[in-house]
Amino acid sequence: NRQPMNERRFEQLKQSIANESFEDNKMSILKTAIRDNWISTNQATALVKLFSFENNKLHIAKHCYKYTTDYQNYYLVANAFNYSSSKQELLQYIEANKRNH
C-alpha cells in the first residue's frame, strides 16, 4: 500500500527547495527526493507552488503525477497555476497518461 511522504519529511523537503535560489536547483532536489517516495495531491500542489516560473510549475506538476498516491484527485493541482493554458495542458497530460491502478 502506497503512503505519501509523512508531514515531517515533507516539510524538510519543502524547506530544502525553498532555500535554493535557482529554479534548476530546486527542480533537481525535488526530483531526487520524490524518486523513492510517494506524495499526495495536496503535497504535489504545495511543491508546484514553490516554483515561480509557469513552465517550471508545469514541468514539476507533470513529473509528480506518477509519484502521487491519490492520482484520481490530481486535477486539483491545476489550481496551482496562474494561467488557464497551463491548467489545460496539465489536465490534458493527466488524460493522456491515465493511471488505472
N, C-alpha and C. Protein backbone atom coordinates (compact mmCIF):
# COMPACT_ATOMS: atom_id res chain seq x y z
N ASN A 1 0.84 -1.20 0.00
CA ASN A 1 0.00 0.00 0.00
C ASN A 1 0.88 1.25 0.00
N ARG A 2 0.64 2.13 -0.93
CA ARG A 2 1.46 3.33 -1.07
C ARG A 2 0.97 4.42 -0.13
N GLN A 3 1.89 4.93 0.64
CA GLN A 3 1.59 6.02 1.57
C GLN A 3 2.38 7.26 1.16
N PRO A 4 1.75 8.44 1.21
CA PRO A 4 2.51 9.64 0.88
C PRO A 4 3.56 9.93 1.96
N MET A 5 4.53 10.72 1.60
CA MET A 5 5.59 11.14 2.49
C MET A 5 4.98 11.72 3.78
N ASN A 6 5.53 11.36 4.93
CA ASN A 6 4.96 11.90 6.17
C ASN A 6 5.22 13.41 6.26
N GLU A 7 4.46 14.06 7.12
CA GLU A 7 4.46 15.52 7.19
C GLU A 7 5.84 16.10 7.53
N ARG A 8 6.55 15.47 8.44
CA ARG A 8 7.88 15.96 8.84
C ARG A 8 8.85 15.92 7.67
N ARG A 9 8.89 14.79 6.99
CA ARG A 9 9.79 14.67 5.83
C ARG A 9 9.39 15.62 4.73
N PHE A 10 8.09 15.78 4.55
CA PHE A 10 7.61 16.69 3.50
C PHE A 10 8.01 18.13 3.82
N GLU A 11 7.88 18.53 5.07
CA GLU A 11 8.28 19.89 5.47
C GLU A 11 9.78 20.10 5.25
N GLN A 12 10.57 19.07 5.54
CA GLN A 12 12.02 19.15 5.30
C GLN A 12 12.31 19.32 3.81
N LEU A 13 11.59 18.60 2.98
CA LEU A 13 11.77 18.72 1.54
C LEU A 13 11.41 20.13 1.07
N LYS A 14 10.27 20.63 1.52
CA LYS A 14 9.86 21.98 1.13
C LYS A 14 10.89 23.02 1.55
N GLN A 15 11.45 22.86 2.74
CA GLN A 15 12.46 23.80 3.23
C GLN A 15 13.72 23.74 2.38
N SER A 16 14.14 22.53 2.03
CA SER A 16 15.33 22.36 1.18
C SER A 16 15.14 23.05 -0.16
N ILE A 17 13.95 22.89 -0.73
CA ILE A 17 13.66 23.52 -2.02
C ILE A 17 13.60 25.04 -1.87
N ALA A 18 12.93 25.51 -0.83
CA ALA A 18 12.77 26.95 -0.61
C ALA A 18 14.12 27.65 -0.38
N ASN A 19 15.08 26.92 0.18
CA ASN A 19 16.40 27.50 0.47
C ASN A 19 17.23 27.73 -0.79
N GLU A 20 16.86 27.11 -1.88
CA GLU A 20 17.61 27.27 -3.14
C GLU A 20 17.16 28.53 -3.87
N SER A 21 18.12 29.23 -4.45
CA SER A 21 17.80 30.45 -5.19
C SER A 21 17.38 30.14 -6.62
N PHE A 22 18.00 29.15 -7.22
CA PHE A 22 17.78 28.88 -8.65
C PHE A 22 16.76 27.76 -8.86
N GLU A 23 15.87 27.99 -9.78
CA GLU A 23 14.80 27.01 -10.05
C GLU A 23 15.35 25.67 -10.52
N ASP A 24 16.45 25.68 -11.27
CA ASP A 24 17.04 24.41 -11.72
C ASP A 24 17.48 23.57 -10.53
N ASN A 25 18.06 24.22 -9.53
CA ASN A 25 18.48 23.51 -8.31
C ASN A 25 17.27 23.00 -7.54
N LYS A 26 16.24 23.82 -7.46
CA LYS A 26 15.00 23.40 -6.79
C LYS A 26 14.45 22.15 -7.46
N MET A 27 14.46 22.17 -8.80
CA MET A 27 13.92 21.04 -9.56
C MET A 27 14.73 19.77 -9.31
N SER A 28 16.05 19.90 -9.27
CA SER A 28 16.92 18.74 -9.02
C SER A 28 16.65 18.13 -7.65
N ILE A 29 16.53 18.98 -6.65
CA ILE A 29 16.26 18.48 -5.30
C ILE A 29 14.93 17.74 -5.27
N LEU A 30 13.91 18.36 -5.84
CA LEU A 30 12.58 17.75 -5.84
C LEU A 30 12.60 16.38 -6.54
N LYS A 31 13.17 16.33 -7.73
CA LYS A 31 13.19 15.07 -8.49
C LYS A 31 13.94 13.98 -7.74
N THR A 32 15.05 14.34 -7.11
CA THR A 32 15.82 13.35 -6.34
C THR A 32 15.03 12.86 -5.14
N ALA A 33 14.39 13.79 -4.45
CA ALA A 33 13.67 13.45 -3.21
C ALA A 33 12.45 12.57 -3.47
N ILE A 34 11.71 12.83 -4.52
CA ILE A 34 10.48 12.04 -4.69
C ILE A 34 10.70 10.76 -5.50
N ARG A 35 11.88 10.58 -6.05
CA ARG A 35 12.15 9.38 -6.85
C ARG A 35 11.83 8.10 -6.08
N ASP A 36 12.11 8.09 -4.79
CA ASP A 36 11.88 6.89 -3.97
C ASP A 36 10.77 7.09 -2.94
N ASN A 37 9.90 8.07 -3.18
CA ASN A 37 8.81 8.36 -2.25
C ASN A 37 7.50 8.56 -3.00
N TRP A 38 6.43 8.51 -2.27
CA TRP A 38 5.10 8.82 -2.81
C TRP A 38 4.65 10.13 -2.18
N ILE A 39 3.82 10.86 -2.91
CA ILE A 39 3.28 12.11 -2.39
C ILE A 39 1.77 12.15 -2.64
N SER A 40 1.09 13.00 -1.90
CA SER A 40 -0.35 13.17 -2.10
C SER A 40 -0.58 14.31 -3.10
N THR A 41 -1.80 14.42 -3.57
CA THR A 41 -2.16 15.52 -4.46
C THR A 41 -1.92 16.86 -3.77
N ASN A 42 -2.28 16.96 -2.50
CA ASN A 42 -2.05 18.21 -1.76
C ASN A 42 -0.57 18.54 -1.67
N GLN A 43 0.24 17.53 -1.45
CA GLN A 43 1.69 17.75 -1.39
C GLN A 43 2.22 18.18 -2.76
N ALA A 44 1.74 17.56 -3.83
CA ALA A 44 2.16 17.94 -5.18
C ALA A 44 1.82 19.40 -5.45
N THR A 45 0.63 19.81 -5.05
CA THR A 45 0.20 21.20 -5.23
C THR A 45 1.14 22.14 -4.49
N ALA A 46 1.48 21.80 -3.26
CA ALA A 46 2.39 22.63 -2.46
C ALA A 46 3.77 22.72 -3.11
N LEU A 47 4.24 21.62 -3.68
CA LEU A 47 5.55 21.62 -4.35
C LEU A 47 5.52 22.50 -5.59
N VAL A 48 4.47 22.39 -6.38
CA VAL A 48 4.35 23.20 -7.58
C VAL A 48 4.40 24.69 -7.22
N LYS A 49 3.76 25.05 -6.12
CA LYS A 49 3.69 26.45 -5.70
C LYS A 49 5.03 27.01 -5.24
N LEU A 50 6.03 26.16 -5.02
CA LEU A 50 7.36 26.62 -4.63
C LEU A 50 8.14 27.18 -5.81
N PHE A 51 7.62 27.00 -7.02
CA PHE A 51 8.29 27.46 -8.23
C PHE A 51 7.65 28.74 -8.73
N SER A 52 8.47 29.63 -9.29
CA SER A 52 7.98 30.92 -9.75
C SER A 52 7.54 30.90 -11.20
N PHE A 53 8.32 30.23 -12.03
CA PHE A 53 8.06 30.26 -13.47
C PHE A 53 7.01 29.23 -13.86
N GLU A 54 6.07 29.67 -14.64
CA GLU A 54 4.93 28.83 -15.03
C GLU A 54 5.38 27.55 -15.74
N ASN A 55 6.38 27.66 -16.62
CA ASN A 55 6.84 26.46 -17.34
C ASN A 55 7.47 25.45 -16.39
N ASN A 56 8.15 25.92 -15.34
CA ASN A 56 8.72 25.02 -14.34
C ASN A 56 7.62 24.38 -13.49
N LYS A 57 6.61 25.17 -13.15
CA LYS A 57 5.48 24.63 -12.40
C LYS A 57 4.84 23.48 -13.18
N LEU A 58 4.66 23.70 -14.47
CA LEU A 58 4.04 22.69 -15.31
C LEU A 58 4.91 21.44 -15.40
N HIS A 59 6.19 21.64 -15.56
CA HIS A 59 7.13 20.51 -15.64
C HIS A 59 7.07 19.68 -14.34
N ILE A 60 7.07 20.35 -13.20
CA ILE A 60 7.03 19.67 -11.91
C ILE A 60 5.69 18.96 -11.72
N ALA A 61 4.61 19.62 -12.10
CA ALA A 61 3.28 19.01 -11.95
C ALA A 61 3.20 17.72 -12.76
N LYS A 62 3.72 17.73 -13.97
CA LYS A 62 3.71 16.52 -14.80
C LYS A 62 4.61 15.45 -14.19
N HIS A 63 5.78 15.86 -13.70
CA HIS A 63 6.73 14.91 -13.13
C HIS A 63 6.16 14.23 -11.87
N CYS A 64 5.50 15.00 -11.03
CA CYS A 64 4.98 14.46 -9.77
C CYS A 64 3.80 13.50 -9.95
N TYR A 65 3.11 13.60 -11.06
CA TYR A 65 1.91 12.79 -11.27
C TYR A 65 2.14 11.31 -11.04
N LYS A 66 3.24 10.79 -11.55
CA LYS A 66 3.48 9.34 -11.42
C LYS A 66 3.87 8.91 -10.01
N TYR A 67 4.13 9.87 -9.13
CA TYR A 67 4.51 9.56 -7.75
C TYR A 67 3.38 9.85 -6.76
N THR A 68 2.19 10.10 -7.28
CA THR A 68 1.08 10.52 -6.44
C THR A 68 0.21 9.33 -6.03
N THR A 69 -0.12 9.27 -4.73
CA THR A 69 -0.91 8.16 -4.21
C THR A 69 -2.39 8.29 -4.59
N ASP A 70 -2.91 9.50 -4.49
CA ASP A 70 -4.34 9.72 -4.79
C ASP A 70 -4.49 10.41 -6.15
N TYR A 71 -3.93 9.77 -7.17
CA TYR A 71 -3.88 10.36 -8.52
C TYR A 71 -5.26 10.69 -9.09
N GLN A 72 -6.31 10.05 -8.57
CA GLN A 72 -7.66 10.35 -9.07
C GLN A 72 -8.08 11.78 -8.71
N ASN A 73 -7.39 12.41 -7.76
CA ASN A 73 -7.66 13.80 -7.38
C ASN A 73 -6.69 14.79 -8.02
N TYR A 74 -5.82 14.30 -8.89
CA TYR A 74 -4.70 15.12 -9.36
C TYR A 74 -5.14 16.35 -10.14
N TYR A 75 -6.35 16.34 -10.66
CA TYR A 75 -6.85 17.52 -11.38
C TYR A 75 -6.82 18.77 -10.49
N LEU A 76 -6.84 18.58 -9.17
CA LEU A 76 -6.81 19.71 -8.23
C LEU A 76 -5.49 20.49 -8.30
N VAL A 77 -4.43 19.83 -8.76
CA VAL A 77 -3.13 20.51 -8.88
C VAL A 77 -3.22 21.67 -9.88
N ALA A 78 -4.15 21.60 -10.80
CA ALA A 78 -4.32 22.67 -11.79
C ALA A 78 -4.59 24.01 -11.12
N ASN A 79 -5.11 23.99 -9.90
CA ASN A 79 -5.37 25.24 -9.18
C ASN A 79 -4.10 26.00 -8.80
N ALA A 80 -2.95 25.35 -8.89
CA ALA A 80 -1.68 25.99 -8.54
C ALA A 80 -1.17 26.91 -9.65
N PHE A 81 -1.82 26.87 -10.80
CA PHE A 81 -1.34 27.65 -11.95
C PHE A 81 -2.03 29.01 -12.07
N ASN A 82 -1.29 29.95 -12.61
CA ASN A 82 -1.82 31.30 -12.83
C ASN A 82 -2.55 31.42 -14.17
N TYR A 83 -2.14 30.60 -15.13
CA TYR A 83 -2.67 30.74 -16.49
C TYR A 83 -3.54 29.55 -16.86
N SER A 84 -4.65 29.84 -17.50
CA SER A 84 -5.57 28.77 -17.89
C SER A 84 -4.93 27.83 -18.91
N SER A 85 -4.02 28.34 -19.72
CA SER A 85 -3.34 27.47 -20.70
C SER A 85 -2.52 26.39 -19.99
N SER A 86 -1.89 26.74 -18.87
CA SER A 86 -1.12 25.76 -18.09
C SER A 86 -2.05 24.74 -17.45
N LYS A 87 -3.17 25.22 -16.92
CA LYS A 87 -4.16 24.31 -16.34
C LYS A 87 -4.62 23.30 -17.38
N GLN A 88 -4.94 23.81 -18.57
CA GLN A 88 -5.40 22.94 -19.65
C GLN A 88 -4.34 21.92 -20.04
N GLU A 89 -3.10 22.37 -20.13
CA GLU A 89 -2.02 21.45 -20.51
C GLU A 89 -1.85 20.34 -19.48
N LEU A 90 -1.94 20.69 -18.19
CA LEU A 90 -1.83 19.66 -17.15
C LEU A 90 -3.00 18.68 -17.24
N LEU A 91 -4.19 19.19 -17.39
CA LEU A 91 -5.37 18.31 -17.48
C LEU A 91 -5.29 17.39 -18.69
N GLN A 92 -4.79 17.92 -19.80
CA GLN A 92 -4.59 17.07 -21.00
C GLN A 92 -3.53 16.01 -20.74
N TYR A 93 -2.48 16.38 -20.03
CA TYR A 93 -1.42 15.43 -19.68
C TYR A 93 -1.99 14.29 -18.82
N ILE A 94 -2.78 14.66 -17.83
CA ILE A 94 -3.39 13.65 -16.95
C ILE A 94 -4.25 12.70 -17.78
N GLU A 95 -5.05 13.27 -18.66
CA GLU A 95 -5.94 12.46 -19.51
C GLU A 95 -5.14 11.52 -20.42
N ALA A 96 -4.05 12.02 -20.97
CA ALA A 96 -3.22 11.22 -21.88
C ALA A 96 -2.41 10.15 -21.14
N ASN A 97 -2.20 10.36 -19.86
CA ASN A 97 -1.38 9.43 -19.06
C ASN A 97 -2.18 8.78 -17.95
N LYS A 98 -3.45 8.50 -18.26
CA LYS A 98 -4.37 7.92 -17.28
C LYS A 98 -3.75 6.73 -16.56
N ARG A 99 -3.89 6.75 -15.24
CA ARG A 99 -3.41 5.63 -14.42
C ARG A 99 -4.63 4.82 -14.02
N ASN A 100 -4.45 3.52 -14.00
CA ASN A 100 -5.60 2.66 -13.66
C ASN A 100 -5.24 1.61 -12.63
N HIS A 101 -4.38 1.99 -11.70
CA HIS A 101 -4.03 1.08 -10.60
C HIS A 101 -4.05 1.81 -9.29
